[in-house]
Amino acid sequence: MNVNDKYVLDILNNFIVSERLNKSEILQMASLVSISHDISDLKDNLKWERYSCKP
């Protein structure tokens, strides 16, 4: 996903609001956006990161 694209930024902002992401989740999302192909891929990557980081 290209974060320089206004459409992508709108999608990401809507996702942040709808999921009520906290600061650390937003930072995690920002690092995963570039390797994600679309919003569903980003959601899957975020889920994987959340589960793999839990002790």
N, C-alpha and C. Protein backbone atom coordinates (compact mmCIF):
# COMPACT_ATOMS: atom_id res chain seq x y z
N MET A 1 0.85 -1.18 0.00
CA MET A 1 0.00 0.00 0.00
C MET A 1 0.89 1.24 0.00
N ASN A 2 0.50 2.22 -0.75
CA ASN A 2 1.26 3.45 -0.87
C ASN A 2 0.68 4.50 0.09
N VAL A 3 1.43 4.83 1.13
CA VAL A 3 0.93 5.78 2.13
C VAL A 3 0.90 7.21 1.61
N ASN A 4 1.50 7.44 0.46
CA ASN A 4 1.45 8.78 -0.13
C ASN A 4 0.17 9.02 -0.93
N ASP A 5 -0.63 7.98 -1.08
CA ASP A 5 -1.89 8.07 -1.82
C ASP A 5 -3.00 8.53 -0.87
N LYS A 6 -3.72 9.58 -1.26
CA LYS A 6 -4.77 10.13 -0.41
C LYS A 6 -5.85 9.09 -0.09
N TYR A 7 -6.21 8.27 -1.06
CA TYR A 7 -7.22 7.23 -0.86
C TYR A 7 -6.77 6.23 0.21
N VAL A 8 -5.51 5.84 0.17
CA VAL A 8 -4.97 4.90 1.16
C VAL A 8 -4.97 5.55 2.54
N LEU A 9 -4.59 6.81 2.61
CA LEU A 9 -4.60 7.51 3.91
C LEU A 9 -6.01 7.60 4.49
N ASP A 10 -6.99 7.83 3.63
CA ASP A 10 -8.38 7.86 4.10
C ASP A 10 -8.80 6.50 4.66
N ILE A 11 -8.42 5.44 3.97
CA ILE A 11 -8.74 4.08 4.43
C ILE A 11 -8.07 3.82 5.78
N LEU A 12 -6.81 4.19 5.90
CA LEU A 12 -6.08 3.97 7.16
C LEU A 12 -6.68 4.78 8.30
N ASN A 13 -7.05 6.02 8.03
CA ASN A 13 -7.68 6.84 9.07
C ASN A 13 -9.01 6.25 9.52
N ASN A 14 -9.81 5.79 8.57
CA ASN A 14 -11.08 5.16 8.92
C ASN A 14 -10.86 3.88 9.72
N PHE A 15 -9.83 3.13 9.37
CA PHE A 15 -9.50 1.90 10.10
C PHE A 15 -9.07 2.22 11.54
N ILE A 16 -8.26 3.25 11.70
CA ILE A 16 -7.81 3.65 13.04
C ILE A 16 -9.00 4.03 13.91
N VAL A 17 -9.92 4.78 13.35
CA VAL A 17 -11.09 5.23 14.11
C VAL A 17 -12.02 4.05 14.41
N SER A 18 -12.30 3.23 13.42
CA SER A 18 -13.26 2.15 13.61
C SER A 18 -12.75 1.08 14.57
N GLU A 19 -11.46 0.84 14.55
CA GLU A 19 -10.88 -0.18 15.45
C GLU A 19 -10.39 0.40 16.77
N ARG A 20 -10.46 1.72 16.89
CA ARG A 20 -10.01 2.42 18.10
C ARG A 20 -8.59 2.01 18.49
N LEU A 21 -7.68 2.13 17.53
CA LEU A 21 -6.29 1.74 17.76
C LEU A 21 -5.61 2.71 18.72
N ASN A 22 -4.78 2.16 19.59
CA ASN A 22 -4.01 3.02 20.49
C ASN A 22 -2.69 3.41 19.80
N LYS A 23 -1.87 4.19 20.47
CA LYS A 23 -0.65 4.71 19.85
C LYS A 23 0.30 3.61 19.39
N SER A 24 0.50 2.60 20.21
CA SER A 24 1.42 1.53 19.82
C SER A 24 0.88 0.73 18.64
N GLU A 25 -0.44 0.53 18.59
CA GLU A 25 -1.04 -0.18 17.46
C GLU A 25 -0.94 0.63 16.18
N ILE A 26 -1.07 1.96 16.29
CA ILE A 26 -0.93 2.82 15.12
C ILE A 26 0.50 2.78 14.60
N LEU A 27 1.47 2.81 15.51
CA LEU A 27 2.87 2.71 15.09
C LEU A 27 3.16 1.36 14.44
N GLN A 28 2.59 0.32 15.00
CA GLN A 28 2.75 -1.02 14.43
C GLN A 28 2.11 -1.06 13.04
N MET A 29 0.95 -0.47 12.90
CA MET A 29 0.27 -0.42 11.61
C MET A 29 1.12 0.33 10.60
N ALA A 30 1.71 1.45 11.02
CA ALA A 30 2.53 2.25 10.11
C ALA A 30 3.71 1.45 9.57
N SER A 31 4.26 0.58 10.39
CA SER A 31 5.39 -0.23 9.91
C SER A 31 4.94 -1.36 8.99
N LEU A 32 3.67 -1.76 9.10
CA LEU A 32 3.17 -2.87 8.27
C LEU A 32 2.49 -2.42 6.98
N VAL A 33 2.18 -1.15 6.86
CA VAL A 33 1.46 -0.67 5.68
C VAL A 33 2.25 -0.92 4.40
N SER A 34 3.53 -0.68 4.43
CA SER A 34 4.32 -0.78 3.21
C SER A 34 4.43 -2.22 2.69
N ILE A 35 4.30 -3.21 3.57
CA ILE A 35 4.40 -4.61 3.11
C ILE A 35 3.04 -5.24 2.87
N SER A 36 1.97 -4.50 3.15
CA SER A 36 0.61 -5.01 2.95
C SER A 36 0.11 -4.61 1.57
N HIS A 37 -0.61 -5.52 0.93
CA HIS A 37 -1.13 -5.26 -0.41
C HIS A 37 -2.44 -4.49 -0.39
N ASP A 38 -3.26 -4.72 0.62
CA ASP A 38 -4.54 -4.03 0.75
C ASP A 38 -4.94 -4.01 2.21
N ILE A 39 -6.12 -3.47 2.51
CA ILE A 39 -6.54 -3.30 3.90
C ILE A 39 -6.77 -4.65 4.58
N SER A 40 -7.27 -5.63 3.87
CA SER A 40 -7.49 -6.94 4.49
C SER A 40 -6.15 -7.61 4.81
N ASP A 41 -5.17 -7.41 3.95
CA ASP A 41 -3.83 -7.94 4.22
C ASP A 41 -3.23 -7.23 5.44
N LEU A 42 -3.45 -5.94 5.55
CA LEU A 42 -2.97 -5.18 6.70
C LEU A 42 -3.61 -5.69 7.99
N LYS A 43 -4.91 -5.94 7.95
CA LYS A 43 -5.61 -6.46 9.13
C LYS A 43 -5.04 -7.81 9.54
N ASP A 44 -4.79 -8.67 8.57
CA ASP A 44 -4.20 -9.98 8.86
C ASP A 44 -2.80 -9.84 9.46
N ASN A 45 -2.01 -8.94 8.90
CA ASN A 45 -0.66 -8.71 9.42
C ASN A 45 -0.70 -8.18 10.85
N LEU A 46 -1.63 -7.29 11.13
CA LEU A 46 -1.76 -6.76 12.49
C LEU A 46 -2.17 -7.85 13.47
N LYS A 47 -3.10 -8.70 13.07
CA LYS A 47 -3.51 -9.81 13.93
C LYS A 47 -2.34 -10.73 14.21
N TRP A 48 -1.58 -11.04 13.17
CA TRP A 48 -0.43 -11.93 13.33
C TRP A 48 0.58 -11.32 14.27
N GLU A 49 0.84 -10.03 14.13
CA GLU A 49 1.79 -9.35 15.01
C GLU A 49 1.31 -9.33 16.46
N ARG A 50 0.02 -9.11 16.67
CA ARG A 50 -0.52 -9.09 18.03
C ARG A 50 -0.35 -10.44 18.69
N TYR A 51 -0.66 -11.51 17.96
CA TYR A 51 -0.58 -12.85 18.55
C TYR A 51 0.85 -13.32 18.72
N SER A 52 1.74 -12.93 17.83
CA SER A 52 3.12 -13.39 17.94
C SER A 52 3.90 -12.63 19.01
N CYS A 53 3.42 -11.46 19.40
CA CYS A 53 4.13 -10.64 20.40
C CYS A 53 3.66 -10.91 21.82
N LYS A 54 2.58 -11.65 22.00
CA LYS A 54 2.08 -11.92 23.35
C LYS A 54 2.97 -12.95 24.03
N PRO A 55 3.25 -12.74 25.34
CA PRO A 55 4.10 -13.71 26.06
C PRO A 55 3.39 -15.00 26.37
